[in-house]
Amino acid sequence: MGWNTISGMDVDHPLWHGIEDNAHFYFVHSYYCEPADSSQVAAVCDYGQPFCASVIQDNLFATQFHPEKSHTAGLQLLKNFVEWNV
């Protein structure tokens, strides 16, 4: 829990525009998902071991971290979400 960086945002997706690799995001809990299809992983975090921090599938996008608590990078992600033309 707390601040940590996410990386692996290799997916060219509008929600990542303007957000640098290794940007800091705020995590509020310690659980995470493990998608059966690794192509759905949109970002990873390392907290002693790498884990899925974000998933994407078609028009669905989910994060383990809390964008609304994540300062500049979180605000950019929320801005991208509002402007996302699905």
N, C-alpha and C. Protein backbone atom coordinates (compact mmCIF):
# COMPACT_ATOMS: atom_id res chain seq x y z
N MET A 1 0.85 -1.17 0.00
CA MET A 1 0.00 0.00 0.00
C MET A 1 0.89 1.23 0.00
N GLY A 2 0.43 2.29 -0.62
CA GLY A 2 1.19 3.52 -0.70
C GLY A 2 1.61 3.80 -2.13
N TRP A 3 2.59 4.67 -2.27
CA TRP A 3 3.09 5.09 -3.58
C TRP A 3 4.01 4.03 -4.16
N ASN A 4 3.84 3.77 -5.46
CA ASN A 4 4.74 2.88 -6.17
C ASN A 4 4.67 3.22 -7.65
N THR A 5 5.68 2.76 -8.38
CA THR A 5 5.73 3.04 -9.81
C THR A 5 5.08 1.91 -10.59
N ILE A 6 4.55 2.26 -11.75
CA ILE A 6 4.05 1.24 -12.67
C ILE A 6 4.87 1.33 -13.94
N SER A 7 5.01 0.21 -14.61
CA SER A 7 5.78 0.16 -15.85
C SER A 7 5.14 -0.84 -16.79
N GLY A 8 5.77 -1.00 -17.94
CA GLY A 8 5.27 -1.96 -18.92
C GLY A 8 4.07 -1.48 -19.67
N MET A 9 3.91 -0.16 -19.74
CA MET A 9 2.76 0.40 -20.43
C MET A 9 3.04 0.41 -21.93
N ASP A 10 3.40 -0.77 -22.44
CA ASP A 10 3.74 -0.91 -23.85
C ASP A 10 2.51 -0.89 -24.75
N VAL A 11 1.37 -1.10 -24.13
CA VAL A 11 0.12 -1.08 -24.88
C VAL A 11 -0.12 0.35 -25.36
N ASP A 12 -0.27 0.51 -26.68
CA ASP A 12 -0.55 1.85 -27.22
C ASP A 12 -2.04 2.11 -27.01
N HIS A 13 -2.33 2.74 -25.90
CA HIS A 13 -3.73 2.97 -25.55
C HIS A 13 -3.92 4.44 -25.18
N PRO A 14 -5.03 5.05 -25.57
CA PRO A 14 -5.26 6.47 -25.28
C PRO A 14 -5.20 6.82 -23.79
N LEU A 15 -5.49 5.87 -22.92
CA LEU A 15 -5.47 6.18 -21.48
C LEU A 15 -4.06 6.38 -20.95
N TRP A 16 -3.05 5.89 -21.64
CA TRP A 16 -1.66 6.08 -21.19
C TRP A 16 -1.01 7.31 -21.79
N HIS A 17 -1.66 8.00 -22.71
CA HIS A 17 -1.03 9.17 -23.35
C HIS A 17 -0.66 10.22 -22.31
N GLY A 18 0.57 10.69 -22.40
CA GLY A 18 1.06 11.74 -21.49
C GLY A 18 1.51 11.21 -20.14
N ILE A 19 1.55 9.90 -19.96
CA ILE A 19 1.99 9.30 -18.70
C ILE A 19 3.28 8.52 -18.98
N GLU A 20 4.32 8.88 -18.27
CA GLU A 20 5.62 8.25 -18.49
C GLU A 20 5.69 6.87 -17.85
N ASP A 21 6.52 6.01 -18.44
CA ASP A 21 6.81 4.72 -17.83
C ASP A 21 7.45 4.98 -16.47
N ASN A 22 7.14 4.19 -15.49
CA ASN A 22 7.61 4.34 -14.11
C ASN A 22 6.99 5.54 -13.39
N ALA A 23 5.82 5.95 -13.84
CA ALA A 23 5.09 7.01 -13.14
C ALA A 23 4.61 6.48 -11.80
N HIS A 24 4.50 7.36 -10.82
CA HIS A 24 4.05 6.98 -9.48
C HIS A 24 2.52 7.03 -9.39
N PHE A 25 1.95 5.97 -8.81
CA PHE A 25 0.52 5.90 -8.54
C PHE A 25 0.32 5.42 -7.12
N TYR A 26 -0.85 5.71 -6.57
CA TYR A 26 -1.13 5.38 -5.18
C TYR A 26 -1.98 4.12 -5.08
N PHE A 27 -1.49 3.15 -4.33
CA PHE A 27 -2.17 1.88 -4.11
C PHE A 27 -2.74 1.89 -2.70
N VAL A 28 -4.00 1.46 -2.54
CA VAL A 28 -4.67 1.51 -1.24
C VAL A 28 -4.79 0.12 -0.60
N HIS A 29 -4.63 -0.93 -1.37
CA HIS A 29 -4.73 -2.27 -0.81
C HIS A 29 -3.67 -3.17 -1.42
N SER A 30 -3.54 -4.36 -0.94
CA SER A 30 -2.43 -5.21 -1.34
C SER A 30 -2.82 -6.40 -2.22
N TYR A 31 -4.06 -6.50 -2.63
CA TYR A 31 -4.42 -7.63 -3.50
C TYR A 31 -4.32 -7.21 -4.97
N TYR A 32 -4.26 -8.19 -5.84
CA TYR A 32 -4.17 -7.93 -7.27
C TYR A 32 -4.73 -9.12 -8.04
N CYS A 33 -4.99 -8.91 -9.32
CA CYS A 33 -5.51 -9.99 -10.15
C CYS A 33 -4.38 -10.56 -11.01
N GLU A 34 -4.59 -11.76 -11.47
CA GLU A 34 -3.68 -12.40 -12.41
C GLU A 34 -4.49 -12.85 -13.62
N PRO A 35 -4.55 -12.03 -14.67
CA PRO A 35 -5.35 -12.41 -15.84
C PRO A 35 -4.85 -13.72 -16.46
N ALA A 36 -5.77 -14.55 -16.88
CA ALA A 36 -5.41 -15.79 -17.56
C ALA A 36 -4.72 -15.50 -18.88
N ASP A 37 -5.10 -14.39 -19.51
CA ASP A 37 -4.52 -13.96 -20.78
C ASP A 37 -3.56 -12.82 -20.50
N SER A 38 -2.27 -13.06 -20.59
CA SER A 38 -1.27 -12.03 -20.26
C SER A 38 -1.32 -10.82 -21.19
N SER A 39 -1.96 -10.95 -22.35
CA SER A 39 -2.07 -9.79 -23.24
C SER A 39 -3.02 -8.74 -22.68
N GLN A 40 -3.78 -9.09 -21.65
CA GLN A 40 -4.69 -8.13 -21.01
C GLN A 40 -3.98 -7.25 -19.99
N VAL A 41 -2.75 -7.57 -19.63
CA VAL A 41 -2.00 -6.77 -18.66
C VAL A 41 -1.55 -5.48 -19.34
N ALA A 42 -2.00 -4.36 -18.80
CA ALA A 42 -1.68 -3.06 -19.39
C ALA A 42 -0.56 -2.35 -18.64
N ALA A 43 -0.26 -2.78 -17.42
CA ALA A 43 0.84 -2.20 -16.63
C ALA A 43 1.14 -3.14 -15.47
N VAL A 44 2.38 -3.08 -15.01
CA VAL A 44 2.80 -3.90 -13.87
C VAL A 44 3.44 -3.02 -12.81
N CYS A 45 3.46 -3.53 -11.61
CA CYS A 45 4.10 -2.87 -10.48
C CYS A 45 4.99 -3.91 -9.81
N ASP A 46 6.05 -3.47 -9.18
CA ASP A 46 6.90 -4.40 -8.46
C ASP A 46 6.92 -4.00 -6.99
N TYR A 47 6.48 -4.90 -6.15
CA TYR A 47 6.49 -4.69 -4.71
C TYR A 47 7.02 -5.97 -4.08
N GLY A 48 8.32 -6.20 -4.29
CA GLY A 48 8.92 -7.45 -3.87
C GLY A 48 8.81 -8.52 -4.93
N GLN A 49 7.79 -8.43 -5.72
CA GLN A 49 7.58 -9.29 -6.89
C GLN A 49 6.68 -8.52 -7.85
N PRO A 50 6.83 -8.75 -9.15
CA PRO A 50 5.97 -8.05 -10.10
C PRO A 50 4.53 -8.54 -10.02
N PHE A 51 3.59 -7.61 -10.18
CA PHE A 51 2.17 -7.99 -10.21
C PHE A 51 1.43 -7.08 -11.18
N CYS A 52 0.28 -7.54 -11.61
CA CYS A 52 -0.56 -6.79 -12.55
C CYS A 52 -1.14 -5.56 -11.86
N ALA A 53 -0.90 -4.38 -12.42
CA ALA A 53 -1.43 -3.14 -11.85
C ALA A 53 -2.58 -2.57 -12.67
N SER A 54 -2.72 -3.05 -13.90
CA SER A 54 -3.80 -2.56 -14.77
C SER A 54 -4.09 -3.59 -15.85
N VAL A 55 -5.36 -3.72 -16.19
CA VAL A 55 -5.77 -4.63 -17.25
C VAL A 55 -6.60 -3.89 -18.28
N ILE A 56 -6.57 -4.42 -19.49
CA ILE A 56 -7.35 -3.82 -20.58
C ILE A 56 -7.90 -4.94 -21.46
N GLN A 57 -9.13 -4.77 -21.88
CA GLN A 57 -9.76 -5.69 -22.83
C GLN A 57 -10.84 -4.92 -23.56
N ASP A 58 -10.65 -4.73 -24.85
CA ASP A 58 -11.59 -3.97 -25.67
C ASP A 58 -11.84 -2.58 -25.06
N ASN A 59 -13.07 -2.30 -24.66
CA ASN A 59 -13.37 -0.97 -24.10
C ASN A 59 -13.37 -0.97 -22.57
N LEU A 60 -12.81 -2.02 -21.95
CA LEU A 60 -12.72 -2.09 -20.50
C LEU A 60 -11.28 -1.80 -20.07
N PHE A 61 -11.15 -1.02 -19.02
CA PHE A 61 -9.83 -0.66 -18.48
C PHE A 61 -9.97 -0.61 -16.97
N ALA A 62 -9.12 -1.35 -16.26
CA ALA A 62 -9.21 -1.38 -14.80
C ALA A 62 -7.81 -1.22 -14.21
N THR A 63 -7.76 -0.61 -13.03
CA THR A 63 -6.48 -0.40 -12.36
C THR A 63 -6.53 -0.92 -10.94
N GLN A 64 -5.40 -1.37 -10.46
CA GLN A 64 -5.24 -1.77 -9.07
C GLN A 64 -5.04 -0.53 -8.19
N PHE A 65 -4.39 0.47 -8.74
CA PHE A 65 -4.13 1.72 -8.02
C PHE A 65 -5.33 2.65 -8.11
N HIS A 66 -5.27 3.74 -7.39
CA HIS A 66 -6.36 4.72 -7.38
C HIS A 66 -5.92 6.00 -8.10
N PRO A 67 -6.40 6.22 -9.33
CA PRO A 67 -6.01 7.42 -10.06
C PRO A 67 -6.37 8.71 -9.32
N GLU A 68 -7.51 8.73 -8.65
CA GLU A 68 -7.96 9.96 -7.98
C GLU A 68 -7.07 10.34 -6.80
N LYS A 69 -6.22 9.43 -6.36
CA LYS A 69 -5.30 9.70 -5.25
C LYS A 69 -3.86 9.79 -5.74
N SER A 70 -3.66 9.78 -7.06
CA SER A 70 -2.33 9.62 -7.64
C SER A 70 -1.74 10.87 -8.26
N HIS A 71 -2.09 12.02 -7.77
CA HIS A 71 -1.49 13.30 -8.14
C HIS A 71 -1.47 13.51 -9.64
N THR A 72 -0.36 13.96 -10.19
CA THR A 72 -0.27 14.38 -11.59
C THR A 72 -0.56 13.24 -12.56
N ALA A 73 0.06 12.09 -12.35
CA ALA A 73 -0.17 10.96 -13.27
C ALA A 73 -1.62 10.50 -13.20
N GLY A 74 -2.18 10.49 -12.01
CA GLY A 74 -3.58 10.10 -11.85
C GLY A 74 -4.53 11.07 -12.52
N LEU A 75 -4.23 12.36 -12.39
CA LEU A 75 -5.07 13.36 -13.05
C LEU A 75 -4.99 13.23 -14.57
N GLN A 76 -3.80 12.92 -15.08
CA GLN A 76 -3.65 12.72 -16.53
C GLN A 76 -4.45 11.51 -16.98
N LEU A 77 -4.41 10.44 -16.20
CA LEU A 77 -5.18 9.24 -16.55
C LEU A 77 -6.67 9.54 -16.55
N LEU A 78 -7.15 10.28 -15.56
CA LEU A 78 -8.57 10.63 -15.52
C LEU A 78 -8.95 11.55 -16.68
N LYS A 79 -8.06 12.48 -17.02
CA LYS A 79 -8.29 13.36 -18.18
C LYS A 79 -8.39 12.51 -19.45
N ASN A 80 -7.47 11.57 -19.61
CA ASN A 80 -7.49 10.68 -20.77
C ASN A 80 -8.78 9.87 -20.82
N PHE A 81 -9.26 9.44 -19.66
CA PHE A 81 -10.50 8.67 -19.60
C PHE A 81 -11.69 9.49 -20.08
N VAL A 82 -11.76 10.73 -19.62
CA VAL A 82 -12.86 11.61 -20.02
C VAL A 82 -12.84 11.86 -21.52
N GLU A 83 -11.64 11.96 -22.09
CA GLU A 83 -11.49 12.25 -23.52
C GLU A 83 -11.46 11.00 -24.40
N TRP A 84 -11.50 9.81 -23.79
CA TRP A 84 -11.41 8.55 -24.52
C TRP A 84 -12.64 8.39 -25.41
N ASN A 85 -12.40 8.24 -26.67
CA ASN A 85 -13.47 8.07 -27.65
C ASN A 85 -13.53 6.60 -28.05
N VAL A 86 -14.34 5.84 -27.35
CA VAL A 86 -14.42 4.39 -27.57
C VAL A 86 -15.15 4.09 -28.84
